Structures are given as C-alpha cells and as structure tokens.
Protein backbone atom coordinates (compact mmCIF):
# COMPACT_ATOMS: atom_id res chain seq x y z
CA MET A 1 0.12 0.31 0.03
CA LYS A 2 1.30 3.54 -1.27
CA LEU A 3 0.44 6.20 1.37
CA GLY A 4 0.99 9.98 0.75
CA ILE A 5 2.22 11.82 3.66
CA ILE A 6 1.68 15.46 4.16
CA SER A 7 1.61 17.99 6.91
CA ASP A 8 1.61 21.54 7.89
CA THR A 9 0.04 22.90 4.63
CA HIS A 10 -1.37 26.04 6.20
CA ASP A 11 -3.91 27.38 3.64
CA ARG A 12 -1.24 26.67 0.74
CA CYS A 13 -3.65 25.87 -1.64
CA ASP A 14 -1.06 26.07 -4.69
CA TYR A 15 0.81 23.72 -3.19
CA ILE A 16 -2.23 21.31 -1.77
CA ASP A 17 -3.51 21.13 -5.50
CA ARG A 18 0.16 20.19 -6.94
CA PHE A 19 0.63 17.64 -3.95
CA VAL A 20 -2.65 15.91 -5.01
CA ARG A 21 -2.32 15.73 -8.29
CA PHE A 22 1.24 14.14 -7.57
CA PHE A 23 -0.47 11.86 -5.05
CA GLU A 24 -3.02 10.74 -7.87
CA ASP A 25 -0.35 10.47 -10.50
CA GLU A 26 1.82 8.06 -8.13
CA GLY A 27 -1.39 5.77 -7.55
CA ILE A 28 -1.28 6.64 -3.77
CA GLU A 29 -3.72 4.49 -1.99
CA MET A 30 -4.41 6.44 1.13
CA ILE A 31 -3.76 10.12 2.39
CA LEU A 32 -2.68 11.17 5.81
CA HIS A 33 -2.51 14.52 6.76
CA LEU A 34 -0.53 15.21 10.20
CA GLY A 35 -2.05 18.40 11.03
CA ASP A 36 -2.49 22.20 10.15
CA LEU A 37 -4.84 22.32 7.43
CA VAL A 38 -5.95 25.38 9.32
CA ALA A 39 -9.31 25.75 7.50
CA PRO A 40 -12.27 24.19 5.51
CA PHE A 41 -11.47 25.73 2.12
CA ALA A 42 -7.79 24.22 1.91
CA ALA A 43 -9.37 21.03 3.34
CA LYS A 44 -11.81 20.90 0.19
CA ARG A 45 -8.75 20.75 -2.18
CA PHE A 46 -8.15 17.22 -1.19
CA ALA A 47 -12.05 15.99 -2.03
CA GLY A 48 -11.68 14.99 -5.39
CA LEU A 49 -8.62 12.27 -4.68
CA ALA A 50 -10.32 11.66 -1.33
CA GLN A 51 -13.57 10.18 -2.64
CA ARG A 52 -11.70 7.46 -4.09
CA ILE A 53 -9.08 6.87 -1.64
CA PRO A 54 -9.24 6.80 2.14
CA PHE A 55 -8.19 10.28 3.79
CA ARG A 56 -7.32 10.55 7.47
CA ALA A 57 -6.41 13.81 9.08
CA ILE A 58 -5.07 14.43 12.38
CA TYR A 59 -5.76 18.19 14.02
CA GLY A 60 -2.91 20.33 14.35
CA ASN A 61 -2.19 23.46 16.91
CA ASN A 62 -3.30 25.84 14.13
CA ASP A 63 -6.53 23.91 13.38
CA GLY A 64 -8.93 26.22 15.20
CA GLU A 65 -12.00 25.96 12.81
CA ARG A 66 -12.11 22.10 14.09
CA GLU A 67 -16.03 22.05 13.48
CA GLY A 68 -15.71 23.42 10.27
CA LEU A 69 -12.83 21.04 9.24
CA LYS A 70 -14.72 18.04 10.55
CA LYS A 71 -17.87 18.92 8.67
CA THR A 72 -16.42 19.65 5.39
CA ILE A 73 -13.79 16.38 5.61
CA ALA A 74 -16.88 14.08 6.83
CA PRO A 75 -18.52 13.19 3.47
CA TRP A 76 -15.04 11.84 2.09
CA GLY A 77 -12.70 11.35 5.20
CA VAL A 78 -11.82 11.76 8.82
CA ILE A 79 -10.19 14.32 10.72
CA GLU A 80 -9.19 13.24 14.45
CA ASP A 81 -7.38 13.94 17.33
CA GLY A 82 -3.93 12.45 17.69
CA PRO A 83 -1.99 10.23 18.08
CA ILE A 84 -3.84 7.61 15.86
CA ARG A 85 -2.90 3.80 15.12
CA LEU A 86 -3.24 2.21 11.82
CA GLU A 87 -1.86 -0.82 10.09
CA ALA A 88 -0.71 -1.16 6.32
CA ASP A 89 1.17 -4.08 4.89
CA GLY A 90 1.53 -5.64 8.50
CA LYS A 91 3.46 -2.77 9.76
CA VAL A 92 2.12 -0.36 12.63
CA ILE A 93 2.00 3.14 11.75
CA VAL A 94 1.29 5.81 14.80
CA ALA A 95 0.60 9.67 13.56
CA HIS A 96 0.40 12.55 15.48
CA HIS A 97 0.88 16.14 15.03
CA TYR A 98 3.49 16.65 17.47
CA PRO A 99 6.85 14.70 17.61
CA MET A 100 7.43 12.37 20.18
CA SER A 101 10.84 10.47 21.16
CA ALA A 102 11.09 7.09 20.25
CA GLU A 103 10.99 6.23 24.10
CA GLU A 104 7.78 8.05 24.43
CA VAL A 105 6.18 6.29 21.22
CA ARG A 106 7.46 2.95 22.73
CA ALA A 107 5.76 3.58 26.04
CA ILE A 108 2.34 3.77 24.19
CA TYR A 109 2.60 1.63 21.47
CA PRO A 110 5.17 -0.94 21.62
CA ASP A 111 4.24 -2.08 18.32
CA ALA A 112 5.25 0.55 16.39
CA ASP A 113 6.85 0.47 13.28
CA TYR A 114 6.84 3.83 12.02
CA TYR A 115 5.67 7.16 14.09
CA PHE A 116 4.84 10.16 11.70
CA SER A 117 4.40 13.76 13.19
CA GLY A 118 4.36 17.14 11.70
CA HIS A 119 4.49 20.57 13.56
CA THR A 120 8.04 21.75 13.51
CA HIS A 121 8.04 22.03 9.77
CA GLU A 122 11.57 20.31 9.65
CA ARG A 123 12.09 16.98 7.50
CA VAL A 124 13.20 14.23 9.83
CA ASP A 125 13.80 10.33 8.87
CA VAL A 126 15.61 8.44 11.80
CA ARG A 127 15.73 5.23 13.10
CA GLU A 128 15.84 4.24 16.89
CA GLY A 129 15.75 0.64 17.43
CA GLY A 130 13.33 -1.06 15.47
CA LEU A 131 11.40 2.45 14.96
CA ARG A 132 11.22 4.92 12.37
CA LEU A 133 10.56 8.41 12.87
CA ILE A 134 9.48 10.67 9.83
CA ASN A 135 8.33 13.96 9.59
CA PRO A 136 7.52 15.36 6.12
CA GLY A 137 8.50 18.59 6.63
CA GLU A 138 5.93 21.35 5.59
CA ALA A 139 3.87 21.32 2.68
CA CYS A 140 3.27 25.31 2.66
CA ALA A 141 6.96 26.16 2.10
CA TRP A 142 6.78 29.01 4.52
CA LEU A 143 9.37 28.81 7.05
CA THR A 144 11.65 26.76 5.16
CA GLY A 145 11.41 27.91 1.46
CA ARG A 146 10.77 24.32 0.38
CA ALA A 147 7.30 22.46 0.30
CA THR A 148 7.62 18.77 1.04
CA ALA A 149 5.72 15.89 1.52
CA GLY A 150 6.29 12.03 0.93
CA ILE A 151 5.44 8.49 0.07
CA LEU A 152 5.54 5.76 2.41
CA ASP A 153 5.59 2.10 1.23
CA PRO A 154 5.74 0.02 4.17
CA ALA A 155 5.80 -3.21 2.71
CA HIS A 156 9.31 -2.46 1.38
CA ASP A 157 10.01 0.10 3.94
CA GLN A 158 10.66 2.54 1.57
CA TRP A 159 10.11 6.32 2.27
CA ARG A 160 10.49 8.89 -0.71
CA GLU A 161 10.29 12.42 -0.13
CA VAL A 162 8.80 14.83 -2.86
CA GLY A 163 9.00 18.65 -2.90
CA TRP A 164 9.55 21.71 -4.67
CA ASP A 165 11.52 25.20 -3.93
CA SER A 166 9.08 28.07 -3.61
C-alpha cells in the first residue's frame, strides 16, 4: 500500500493542489495529513482524490476551525485528535501532529514500526531501534522555502520525499 503523507499545509492551496495531483499520478492508496490544514477551504482541495481513496487527518495546533474542518471532511474522510494508530502491509503506523521521542512512542505503542509527526516544519527520517521516525516537513513552504511531503511503501520500508522549492 502506498501512503501519501503530508503535513502543515497552512492554507497554501497552490501546493495542496500540486501534491494532490502528484499523489494521484503516483497511485497513492491513502492520504494521511498530519495536521495544520487550518481552514475548511484548504481541506476541500483534497476532496476529489479523497472520494476515491481513504483520507485521514489529525488536528494540529493551528486547526482552530475544528468543527468546520470536521464538517467539510466528513463526507469523504476523517479528521481526529492524535495520536492515531493504523496498520498497512503488516506494519504499525502511529501518527500525531506533535513529535515524540522513540522512547515516548514505545511506551504507548510498543508494536509501532513508524511514527509520523509534523508541527516543526523540519524534515526528519531517523531510525531508533526498530522504530522509524519521520516528519515530512512542511507542504506550505512558509518557513523553509521548500514544500515537502512523502510517500511511504511500508511493505518495502521505502520512504520517498517529494517537494519543490518556493
């Protein structure tokens, strides 16, 4: 299963549209948004693709319009508080908006293979023990000047970052 992982879109609709097209072209089978969509109008940009594949999102600290986001996403996806746990290709994936250490993740989810987080806008891909910690960076490019997201193929333990300079 190929998962499209994206975070911190912060209403940057031009990049959201670009990542949605990219995910569609790559045959992504599920989208996981790690928080800070910010507004319902930005969330709507995922609707076309998300009507065909699962869409799960986590509330971030800048998602102040929680009820509006929930109402907008409900017909084609889910948005919820993190952390969340899901399984894909026999691997356990835990996701949250906020970073956690490998020790913190293991204390709550001892069977986790991956921990995805956003919030910091900084790209991370490290292994600690049997746990892989990944932050796809920021899809908005507001802080770093680079819009990034990624694709995870858990069956082959392959993470591929994708992005563009602003």
